[in-house]
Amino acid sequence: MADGTSYQDALAEAQRAGLAERDPAADVEGYDATAKVMILSALVFGRQLGREQVACLGITGITGREARQAASAGRRIRQVATLGFSGPDGRVP
């Protein structure tokens, strides 16, 4: 998208290359990342989180303008999953 390709065309290209599934919703909407954070929380910290405790923001709302701005600054927009607990009692933020 940084080179002016539309989101739909970039997604279609990724699907043709085998990098995106036929139904990419789980990946591009962040659902897979959310599930992985929940699994890791349970395995690593022994804390099972509910979906309502995990903020999720997919990449479908990224515009070509944002992708070009990132590229011109030498950066890329990526979907990232993080897990953090806060406060003295380790509450989920």
PDB file of N, CA and C in Angstrom:
ATOM      1  N   MET A   1       0.814  -1.186   0.000  1.00  0.00           N
ATOM      2  CA  MET A   1       0.000   0.000   0.000  1.00  0.00           C
ATOM      3  C   MET A   1       0.861   1.254   0.000  1.00  0.00           C
ATOM      4  N   ALA A   2       2.079   1.124   0.484  1.00  0.00           N
ATOM      5  CA  ALA A   2       2.969   2.278   0.522  1.00  0.00           C
ATOM      6  C   ALA A   2       3.304   2.779  -0.875  1.00  0.00           C
ATOM      7  N   ASP A   3       3.155   1.906  -1.871  1.00  0.00           N
ATOM      8  CA  ASP A   3       3.445   2.328  -3.244  1.00  0.00           C
ATOM      9  C   ASP A   3       2.196   2.745  -4.007  1.00  0.00           C
ATOM     10  N   GLY A   4       1.065   2.897  -3.286  1.00  0.00           N
ATOM     11  CA  GLY A   4      -0.165   3.346  -3.909  1.00  0.00           C
ATOM     12  C   GLY A   4      -1.168   2.242  -4.204  1.00  0.00           C
ATOM     13  N   THR A   5      -0.808   1.000  -3.924  1.00  0.00           N
ATOM     14  CA  THR A   5      -1.722  -0.115  -4.124  1.00  0.00           C
ATOM     15  C   THR A   5      -2.859  -0.022  -3.113  1.00  0.00           C
ATOM     16  N   SER A   6      -4.074  -0.285  -3.550  1.00  0.00           N
ATOM     17  CA  SER A   6      -5.213  -0.247  -2.628  1.00  0.00           C
ATOM     18  C   SER A   6      -5.146  -1.436  -1.670  1.00  0.00           C
ATOM     19  N   TYR A   7      -5.864  -1.312  -0.551  1.00  0.00           N
ATOM     20  CA  TYR A   7      -5.910  -2.404   0.427  1.00  0.00           C
ATOM     21  C   TYR A   7      -6.416  -3.682  -0.240  1.00  0.00           C
ATOM     22  N   GLN A   8      -7.504  -3.584  -1.003  1.00  0.00           N
ATOM     23  CA  GLN A   8      -8.088  -4.763  -1.647  1.00  0.00           C
ATOM     24  C   GLN A   8      -7.102  -5.407  -2.615  1.00  0.00           C
ATOM     25  N   ASP A   9      -6.392  -4.600  -3.398  1.00  0.00           N
ATOM     26  CA  ASP A   9      -5.416  -5.149  -4.338  1.00  0.00           C
ATOM     27  C   ASP A   9      -4.226  -5.769  -3.602  1.00  0.00           C
ATOM     28  N   ALA A  10      -3.784  -5.130  -2.525  1.00  0.00           N
ATOM     29  CA  ALA A  10      -2.675  -5.675  -1.738  1.00  0.00           C
ATOM     30  C   ALA A  10      -3.079  -7.001  -1.103  1.00  0.00           C
ATOM     31  N   LEU A  11      -4.303  -7.074  -0.600  1.00  0.00           N
ATOM     32  CA  LEU A  11      -4.793  -8.314  -0.010  1.00  0.00           C
ATOM     33  C   LEU A  11      -4.893  -9.412  -1.064  1.00  0.00           C
ATOM     34  N   ALA A  12      -5.429  -9.077  -2.231  1.00  0.00           N
ATOM     35  CA  ALA A  12      -5.538 -10.061  -3.316  1.00  0.00           C
ATOM     36  C   ALA A  12      -4.163 -10.572  -3.718  1.00  0.00           C
ATOM     37  N   GLU A  13      -3.192  -9.680  -3.777  1.00  0.00           N
ATOM     38  CA  GLU A  13      -1.816 -10.078  -4.118  1.00  0.00           C
ATOM     39  C   GLU A  13      -1.249 -11.013  -3.051  1.00  0.00           C
ATOM     40  N   ALA A  14      -1.498 -10.705  -1.792  1.00  0.00           N
ATOM     41  CA  ALA A  14      -1.030 -11.562  -0.700  1.00  0.00           C
ATOM     42  C   ALA A  14      -1.713 -12.930  -0.751  1.00  0.00           C
ATOM     43  N   GLN A  15      -2.972 -12.969  -1.117  1.00  0.00           N
ATOM     44  CA  GLN A  15      -3.684 -14.240  -1.241  1.00  0.00           C
ATOM     45  C   GLN A  15      -3.110 -15.065  -2.389  1.00  0.00           C
ATOM     46  N   ARG A  16      -2.846 -14.428  -3.517  1.00  0.00           N
ATOM     47  CA  ARG A  16      -2.257 -15.144  -4.658  1.00  0.00           C
ATOM     48  C   ARG A  16      -0.888 -15.713  -4.296  1.00  0.00           C
ATOM     49  N   ALA A  17      -0.143 -14.988  -3.479  1.00  0.00           N
ATOM     50  CA  ALA A  17       1.198 -15.433  -3.086  1.00  0.00           C
ATOM     51  C   ALA A  17       1.154 -16.462  -1.954  1.00  0.00           C
ATOM     52  N   GLY A  18      -0.046 -16.745  -1.445  1.00  0.00           N
ATOM     53  CA  GLY A  18      -0.166 -17.725  -0.364  1.00  0.00           C
ATOM     54  C   GLY A  18       0.145 -17.156   1.011  1.00  0.00           C
ATOM     55  N   LEU A  19       0.205 -15.834   1.124  1.00  0.00           N
ATOM     56  CA  LEU A  19       0.520 -15.189   2.391  1.00  0.00           C
ATOM     57  C   LEU A  19      -0.724 -14.836   3.198  1.00  0.00           C
ATOM     58  N   ALA A  20      -1.867 -14.831   2.533  1.00  0.00           N
ATOM     59  CA  ALA A  20      -3.131 -14.532   3.209  1.00  0.00           C
ATOM     60  C   ALA A  20      -4.128 -15.627   2.850  1.00  0.00           C
ATOM     61  N   GLU A  21      -4.952 -15.973   3.807  1.00  0.00           N
ATOM     62  CA  GLU A  21      -5.952 -17.012   3.584  1.00  0.00           C
ATOM     63  C   GLU A  21      -7.075 -16.500   2.702  1.00  0.00           C
ATOM     64  N   ARG A  22      -7.842 -17.429   2.158  1.00  0.00           N
ATOM     65  CA  ARG A  22      -8.987 -17.057   1.319  1.00  0.00           C
ATOM     66  C   ARG A  22      -9.927 -16.140   2.087  1.00  0.00           C
ATOM     67  N   ASP A  23     -10.195 -16.492   3.358  1.00  0.00           N
ATOM     68  CA  ASP A  23     -10.966 -15.618   4.249  1.00  0.00           C
ATOM     69  C   ASP A  23      -9.974 -15.085   5.283  1.00  0.00           C
ATOM     70  N   PRO A  24      -9.414 -13.913   5.065  1.00  0.00           N
ATOM     71  CA  PRO A  24      -8.346 -13.398   5.913  1.00  0.00           C
ATOM     72  C   PRO A  24      -8.829 -12.675   7.177  1.00  0.00           C
ATOM     73  N   ALA A  25     -10.126 -12.683   7.446  1.00  0.00           N
ATOM     74  CA  ALA A  25     -10.683 -11.895   8.552  1.00  0.00           C
ATOM     75  C   ALA A  25      -9.970 -12.150   9.877  1.00  0.00           C
ATOM     76  N   ALA A  26      -9.687 -13.405  10.198  1.00  0.00           N
ATOM     77  CA  ALA A  26      -9.053 -13.718  11.485  1.00  0.00           C
ATOM     78  C   ALA A  26      -7.694 -13.032  11.614  1.00  0.00           C
ATOM     79  N   ASP A  27      -6.984 -12.933  10.507  1.00  0.00           N
ATOM     80  CA  ASP A  27      -5.671 -12.281  10.545  1.00  0.00           C
ATOM     81  C   ASP A  27      -5.782 -10.764  10.517  1.00  0.00           C
ATOM     82  N   VAL A  28      -6.486 -10.218   9.551  1.00  0.00           N
ATOM     83  CA  VAL A  28      -6.489  -8.768   9.365  1.00  0.00           C
ATOM     84  C   VAL A  28      -7.328  -8.027  10.403  1.00  0.00           C
ATOM     85  N   GLU A  29      -8.279  -8.709  11.021  1.00  0.00           N
ATOM     86  CA  GLU A  29      -9.071  -8.078  12.078  1.00  0.00           C
ATOM     87  C   GLU A  29      -8.444  -8.274  13.453  1.00  0.00           C
ATOM     88  N   GLY A  30      -7.382  -9.084  13.536  1.00  0.00           N
ATOM     89  CA  GLY A  30      -6.674  -9.275  14.803  1.00  0.00           C
ATOM     90  C   GLY A  30      -7.201 -10.405  15.667  1.00  0.00           C
ATOM     91  N   TYR A  31      -8.145 -11.180  15.154  1.00  0.00           N
ATOM     92  CA  TYR A  31      -8.736 -12.248  15.961  1.00  0.00           C
ATOM     93  C   TYR A  31      -7.722 -13.341  16.309  1.00  0.00           C
ATOM     94  N   ASP A  32      -6.866 -13.713  15.356  1.00  0.00           N
ATOM     95  CA  ASP A  32      -5.836 -14.721  15.633  1.00  0.00           C
ATOM     96  C   ASP A  32      -4.867 -14.217  16.704  1.00  0.00           C
ATOM     97  N   ALA A  33      -4.458 -12.963  16.592  1.00  0.00           N
ATOM     98  CA  ALA A  33      -3.538 -12.390  17.585  1.00  0.00           C
ATOM     99  C   ALA A  33      -4.183 -12.359  18.963  1.00  0.00           C
ATOM    100  N   THR A  34      -5.469 -12.036  19.022  1.00  0.00           N
ATOM    101  CA  THR A  34      -6.187 -12.014  20.295  1.00  0.00           C
ATOM    102  C   THR A  34      -6.192 -13.401  20.917  1.00  0.00           C
ATOM    103  N   ALA A  35      -6.501 -14.407  20.124  1.00  0.00           N
ATOM    104  CA  ALA A  35      -6.525 -15.780  20.629  1.00  0.00           C
ATOM    105  C   ALA A  35      -5.150 -16.202  21.131  1.00  0.00           C
ATOM    106  N   LYS A  36      -4.105 -15.820  20.429  1.00  0.00           N
ATOM    107  CA  LYS A  36      -2.744 -16.192  20.841  1.00  0.00           C
ATOM    108  C   LYS A  36      -2.353 -15.507  22.148  1.00  0.00           C
ATOM    109  N   VAL A  37      -2.743 -14.243  22.311  1.00  0.00           N
ATOM    110  CA  VAL A  37      -2.465 -13.544  23.568  1.00  0.00           C
ATOM    111  C   VAL A  37      -3.175 -14.246  24.718  1.00  0.00           C
ATOM    112  N   MET A  38      -4.414 -14.667  24.488  1.00  0.00           N
ATOM    113  CA  MET A  38      -5.174 -15.355  25.530  1.00  0.00           C
ATOM    114  C   MET A  38      -4.524 -16.686  25.897  1.00  0.00           C
ATOM    115  N   ILE A  39      -4.062 -17.426  24.905  1.00  0.00           N
ATOM    116  CA  ILE A  39      -3.395 -18.707  25.143  1.00  0.00           C
ATOM    117  C   ILE A  39      -2.089 -18.493  25.898  1.00  0.00           C
ATOM    118  N   LEU A  40      -1.285 -17.531  25.449  1.00  0.00           N
ATOM    119  CA  LEU A  40      -0.006 -17.261  26.112  1.00  0.00           C
ATOM    120  C   LEU A  40      -0.205 -16.799  27.553  1.00  0.00           C
ATOM    121  N   SER A  41      -1.208 -15.993  27.797  1.00  0.00           N
ATOM    122  CA  SER A  41      -1.489 -15.546  29.155  1.00  0.00           C
ATOM    123  C   SER A  41      -1.769 -16.739  30.064  1.00  0.00           C
ATOM    124  N   ALA A  42      -2.569 -17.669  29.571  1.00  0.00           N
ATOM    125  CA  ALA A  42      -2.902 -18.859  30.367  1.00  0.00           C
ATOM    126  C   ALA A  42      -1.679 -19.738  30.588  1.00  0.00           C
ATOM    127  N   LEU A  43      -0.876 -19.948  29.538  1.00  0.00           N
ATOM    128  CA  LEU A  43       0.280 -20.836  29.654  1.00  0.00           C
ATOM    129  C   LEU A  43       1.435 -20.227  30.444  1.00  0.00           C
ATOM    130  N   VAL A  44       1.743 -18.975  30.184  1.00  0.00           N
ATOM    131  CA  VAL A  44       2.913 -18.340  30.787  1.00  0.00           C
ATOM    132  C   VAL A  44       2.616 -17.778  32.178  1.00  0.00           C
ATOM    133  N   PHE A  45       1.456 -17.138  32.318  1.00  0.00           N
ATOM    134  CA  PHE A  45       1.136 -16.458  33.574  1.00  0.00           C
ATOM    135  C   PHE A  45       0.083 -17.177  34.407  1.00  0.00           C
ATOM    136  N   GLY A  46      -0.502 -18.247  33.852  1.00  0.00           N
ATOM    137  CA  GLY A  46      -1.543 -18.962  34.577  1.00  0.00           C
ATOM    138  C   GLY A  46      -2.806 -18.143  34.746  1.00  0.00           C
ATOM    139  N   ARG A  47      -3.033 -17.196  33.860  1.00  0.00           N
ATOM    140  CA  ARG A  47      -4.199 -16.312  33.947  1.00  0.00           C
ATOM    141  C   ARG A  47      -5.005 -16.392  32.666  1.00  0.00           C
ATOM    142  N   GLN A  48      -6.182 -16.978  32.770  1.00  0.00           N
ATOM    143  CA  GLN A  48      -7.059 -17.081  31.604  1.00  0.00           C
ATOM    144  C   GLN A  48      -7.827 -15.781  31.426  1.00  0.00           C
ATOM    145  N   LEU A  49      -7.621 -15.126  30.307  1.00  0.00           N
ATOM    146  CA  LEU A  49      -8.299 -13.871  30.006  1.00  0.00           C
ATOM    147  C   LEU A  49      -9.548 -14.132  29.178  1.00  0.00           C
ATOM    148  N   GLY A  50     -10.541 -13.298  29.347  1.00  0.00           N
ATOM    149  CA  GLY A  50     -11.711 -13.321  28.488  1.00  0.00           C
ATOM    150  C   GLY A  50     -11.493 -12.383  27.322  1.00  0.00           C
ATOM    151  N   ARG A  51     -12.199 -12.602  26.240  1.00  0.00           N
ATOM    152  CA  ARG A  51     -12.036 -11.743  25.055  1.00  0.00           C
ATOM    153  C   ARG A  51     -12.260 -10.270  25.381  1.00  0.00           C
ATOM    154  N   GLU A  52     -13.160  -9.993  26.310  1.00  0.00           N
ATOM    155  CA  GLU A  52     -13.446  -8.593  26.666  1.00  0.00           C
ATOM    156  C   GLU A  52     -12.268  -7.929  27.368  1.00  0.00           C
ATOM    157  N   GLN A  53     -11.296  -8.700  27.820  1.00  0.00           N
ATOM    158  CA  GLN A  53     -10.119  -8.155  28.491  1.00  0.00           C
ATOM    159  C   GLN A  53      -8.967  -7.897  27.523  1.00  0.00           C
ATOM    160  N   VAL A  54      -9.145  -8.253  26.277  1.00  0.00           N
ATOM    161  CA  VAL A  54      -8.084  -8.108  25.283  1.00  0.00           C
ATOM    162  C   VAL A  54      -8.534  -7.097  24.238  1.00  0.00           C
ATOM    163  N   ALA A  55      -7.831  -5.977  24.178  1.00  0.00           N
ATOM    164  CA  ALA A  55      -8.134  -4.970  23.159  1.00  0.00           C
ATOM    165  C   ALA A  55      -7.669  -5.500  21.810  1.00  0.00           C
ATOM    166  N   CYS A  56      -8.462  -5.263  20.798  1.00  0.00           N
ATOM    167  CA  CYS A  56      -8.144  -5.786  19.472  1.00  0.00           C
ATOM    168  C   CYS A  56      -8.415  -4.706  18.428  1.00  0.00           C
ATOM    169  N   LEU A  57      -7.415  -4.427  17.620  1.00  0.00           N
ATOM    170  CA  LEU A  57      -7.555  -3.458  16.541  1.00  0.00           C
ATOM    171  C   LEU A  57      -6.890  -4.053  15.306  1.00  0.00           C
ATOM    172  N   GLY A  58      -7.665  -4.323  14.296  1.00  0.00           N
ATOM    173  CA  GLY A  58      -7.142  -4.921  13.075  1.00  0.00           C
ATOM    174  C   GLY A  58      -6.478  -3.888  12.175  1.00  0.00           C
ATOM    175  N   ILE A  59      -6.053  -4.352  11.022  1.00  0.00           N
ATOM    176  CA  ILE A  59      -5.341  -3.479  10.086  1.00  0.00           C
ATOM    177  C   ILE A  59      -6.209  -3.036   8.912  1.00  0.00           C
ATOM    178  N   THR A  60      -7.468  -3.443   8.889  1.00  0.00           N
ATOM    179  CA  THR A  60      -8.318  -3.104   7.746  1.00  0.00           C
ATOM    180  C   THR A  60      -8.599  -1.614   7.636  1.00  0.00           C
ATOM    181  N   GLY A  61      -8.447  -0.880   8.719  1.00  0.00           N
ATOM    182  CA  GLY A  61      -8.698   0.557   8.680  1.00  0.00           C
ATOM    183  C   GLY A  61      -7.503   1.386   8.260  1.00  0.00           C
ATOM    184  N   ILE A  62      -6.369   0.745   8.017  1.00  0.00           N
ATOM    185  CA  ILE A  62      -5.172   1.477   7.595  1.00  0.00           C
ATOM    186  C   ILE A  62      -5.394   2.020   6.192  1.00  0.00           C
ATOM    187  N   THR A  63      -5.104   3.278   6.013  1.00  0.00           N
ATOM    188  CA  THR A  63      -5.287   3.900   4.697  1.00  0.00           C
ATOM    189  C   THR A  63      -3.971   3.900   3.921  1.00  0.00           C
ATOM    190  N   GLY A  64      -4.092   4.058   2.635  1.00  0.00           N
ATOM    191  CA  GLY A  64      -2.909   4.173   1.799  1.00  0.00           C
ATOM    192  C   GLY A  64      -2.057   5.360   2.215  1.00  0.00           C
ATOM    193  N   ARG A  65      -2.713   6.433   2.607  1.00  0.00           N
ATOM    194  CA  ARG A  65      -1.990   7.624   3.070  1.00  0.00           C
ATOM    195  C   ARG A  65      -1.140   7.300   4.287  1.00  0.00           C
ATOM    196  N   GLU A  66      -1.703   6.574   5.231  1.00  0.00           N
ATOM    197  CA  GLU A  66      -0.942   6.194   6.435  1.00  0.00           C
ATOM    198  C   GLU A  66       0.225   5.282   6.074  1.00  0.00           C
ATOM    199  N   ALA A  67       0.007   4.355   5.150  1.00  0.00           N
ATOM    200  CA  ALA A  67       1.080   3.455   4.727  1.00  0.00           C
ATOM    201  C   ALA A  67       2.192   4.242   4.042  1.00  0.00           C
ATOM    202  N   ARG A  68       1.830   5.212   3.212  1.00  0.00           N
ATOM    203  CA  ARG A  68       2.842   6.031   2.533  1.00  0.00           C
ATOM    204  C   ARG A  68       3.606   6.909   3.521  1.00  0.00           C
ATOM    205  N   GLN A  69       2.894   7.470   4.510  1.00  0.00           N
ATOM    206  CA  GLN A  69       3.569   8.288   5.528  1.00  0.00           C
ATOM    207  C   GLN A  69       4.581   7.456   6.302  1.00  0.00           C
ATOM    208  N   ALA A  70       4.179   6.246   6.676  1.00  0.00           N
ATOM    209  CA  ALA A  70       5.102   5.368   7.400  1.00  0.00           C
ATOM    210  C   ALA A  70       6.320   5.054   6.533  1.00  0.00           C
ATOM    211  N   ALA A  71       6.086   4.710   5.273  1.00  0.00           N
ATOM    212  CA  ALA A  71       7.187   4.367   4.361  1.00  0.00           C
ATOM    213  C   ALA A  71       8.131   5.543   4.164  1.00  0.00           C
ATOM    214  N   SER A  72       7.582   6.745   4.052  1.00  0.00           N
ATOM    215  CA  SER A  72       8.443   7.907   3.843  1.00  0.00           C
ATOM    216  C   SER A  72       9.291   8.199   5.079  1.00  0.00           C
ATOM    217  N   ALA A  73       8.858   7.714   6.231  1.00  0.00           N
ATOM    218  CA  ALA A  73       9.634   7.874   7.461  1.00  0.00           C
ATOM    219  C   ALA A  73      10.523   6.655   7.711  1.00  0.00           C
ATOM    220  N   GLY A  74      10.577   5.735   6.724  1.00  0.00           N
ATOM    221  CA  GLY A  74      11.408   4.539   6.862  1.00  0.00           C
ATOM    222  C   GLY A  74      10.794   3.496   7.792  1.00  0.00           C
ATOM    223  N   ARG A  75       9.482   3.523   7.922  1.00  0.00           N
ATOM    224  CA  ARG A  75       8.794   2.599   8.826  1.00  0.00           C
ATOM    225  C   ARG A  75       7.751   1.790   8.083  1.00  0.00           C
ATOM    226  N   ARG A  76       7.234   0.779   8.771  1.00  0.00           N
ATOM    227  CA  ARG A  76       6.156  -0.049   8.239  1.00  0.00           C
ATOM    228  C   ARG A  76       5.085  -0.176   9.305  1.00  0.00           C
ATOM    229  N   ILE A  77       3.861  -0.272   8.875  1.00  0.00           N
ATOM    230  CA  ILE A  77       2.764  -0.500   9.806  1.00  0.00           C
ATOM    231  C   ILE A  77       2.592  -2.010   9.936  1.00  0.00           C
ATOM    232  N   ARG A  78       2.603  -2.475  11.162  1.00  0.00           N
ATOM    233  CA  ARG A  78       2.480  -3.902  11.418  1.00  0.00           C
ATOM    234  C   ARG A  78       1.457  -4.141  12.511  1.00  0.00           C
ATOM    235  N   GLN A  79       0.850  -5.289  12.431  1.00  0.00           N
ATOM    236  CA  GLN A  79      -0.068  -5.694  13.489  1.00  0.00           C
ATOM    237  C   GLN A  79       0.756  -6.395  14.559  1.00  0.00           C
ATOM    238  N   VAL A  80       0.619  -5.943  15.801  1.00  0.00           N
ATOM    239  CA  VAL A  80       1.426  -6.462  16.899  1.00  0.00           C
ATOM    240  C   VAL A  80       0.520  -6.837  18.056  1.00  0.00           C
ATOM    241  N   ALA A  81       0.801  -7.951  18.684  1.00  0.00           N
ATOM    242  CA  ALA A  81       0.076  -8.364  19.884  1.00  0.00           C
ATOM    243  C   ALA A  81       0.997  -8.201  21.078  1.00  0.00           C
ATOM    244  N   THR A  82       0.485  -7.595  22.133  1.00  0.00           N
ATOM    245  CA  THR A  82       1.267  -7.443  23.360  1.00  0.00           C
ATOM    246  C   THR A  82       0.414  -7.874  24.542  1.00  0.00           C
ATOM    247  N   LEU A  83       1.069  -8.222  25.625  1.00  0.00           N
ATOM    248  CA  LEU A  83       0.384  -8.625  26.839  1.00  0.00           C
ATOM    249  C   LEU A  83       1.058  -7.935  28.006  1.00  0.00           C
ATOM    250  N   GLY A  84       0.263  -7.275  28.815  1.00  0.00           N
ATOM    251  CA  GLY A  84       0.828  -6.587  29.973  1.00  0.00           C
ATOM    252  C   GLY A  84      -0.168  -6.539  31.120  1.00  0.00           C
ATOM    253  N   PHE A  85       0.348  -6.653  32.298  1.00  0.00           N
ATOM    254  CA  PHE A  85      -0.464  -6.540  33.502  1.00  0.00           C
ATOM    255  C   PHE A  85       0.035  -5.306  34.241  1.00  0.00           C
ATOM    256  N   SER A  86      -0.853  -4.601  34.924  1.00  0.00           N
ATOM    257  CA  SER A  86      -0.425  -3.374  35.582  1.00  0.00           C
ATOM    258  C   SER A  86      -0.870  -3.340  37.029  1.00  0.00           C
ATOM    259  N   GLY A  87      -0.279  -2.396  37.736  1.00  0.00           N
ATOM    260  CA  GLY A  87      -0.640  -2.199  39.148  1.00  0.00           C
ATOM    261  C   GLY A  87       0.010  -3.219  40.054  1.00  0.00           C
ATOM    262  N   PRO A  88      -0.032  -2.962  41.354  1.00  0.00           N
ATOM    263  CA  PRO A  88       0.607  -3.848  42.315  1.00  0.00           C
ATOM    264  C   PRO A  88      -0.058  -5.232  42.385  1.00  0.00           C
ATOM    265  N   ASP A  89      -1.328  -5.302  41.991  1.00  0.00           N
ATOM    266  CA  ASP A  89      -2.011  -6.600  42.037  1.00  0.00           C
ATOM    267  C   ASP A  89      -2.009  -7.307  40.684  1.00  0.00           C
ATOM    268  N   GLY A  90      -1.306  -6.730  39.695  1.00  0.00           N
ATOM    269  CA  GLY A  90      -1.196  -7.361  38.386  1.00  0.00           C
ATOM    270  C   GLY A  90      -2.487  -7.378  37.601  1.00  0.00           C
ATOM    271  N   ARG A  91      -3.292  -6.364  37.770  1.00  0.00           N
ATOM    272  CA  ARG A  91      -4.549  -6.282  37.029  1.00  0.00           C
ATOM    273  C   ARG A  91      -4.294  -6.199  35.540  1.00  0.00           C
ATOM    274  N   VAL A  92      -5.247  -6.696  34.789  1.00  0.00           N
ATOM    275  CA  VAL A  92      -5.193  -6.546  33.336  1.00  0.00           C
ATOM    276  C   VAL A  92      -5.667  -5.135  33.035  1.00  0.00           C
ATOM    277  N   PRO A  93      -4.851  -4.352  32.292  1.00  0.00           N
ATOM    278  CA  PRO A  93      -5.252  -2.967  31.998  1.00  0.00           C
ATOM    279  C   PRO A  93      -6.558  -2.913  31.215  1.00  0.00           C
TER     280      PRO A  93
END
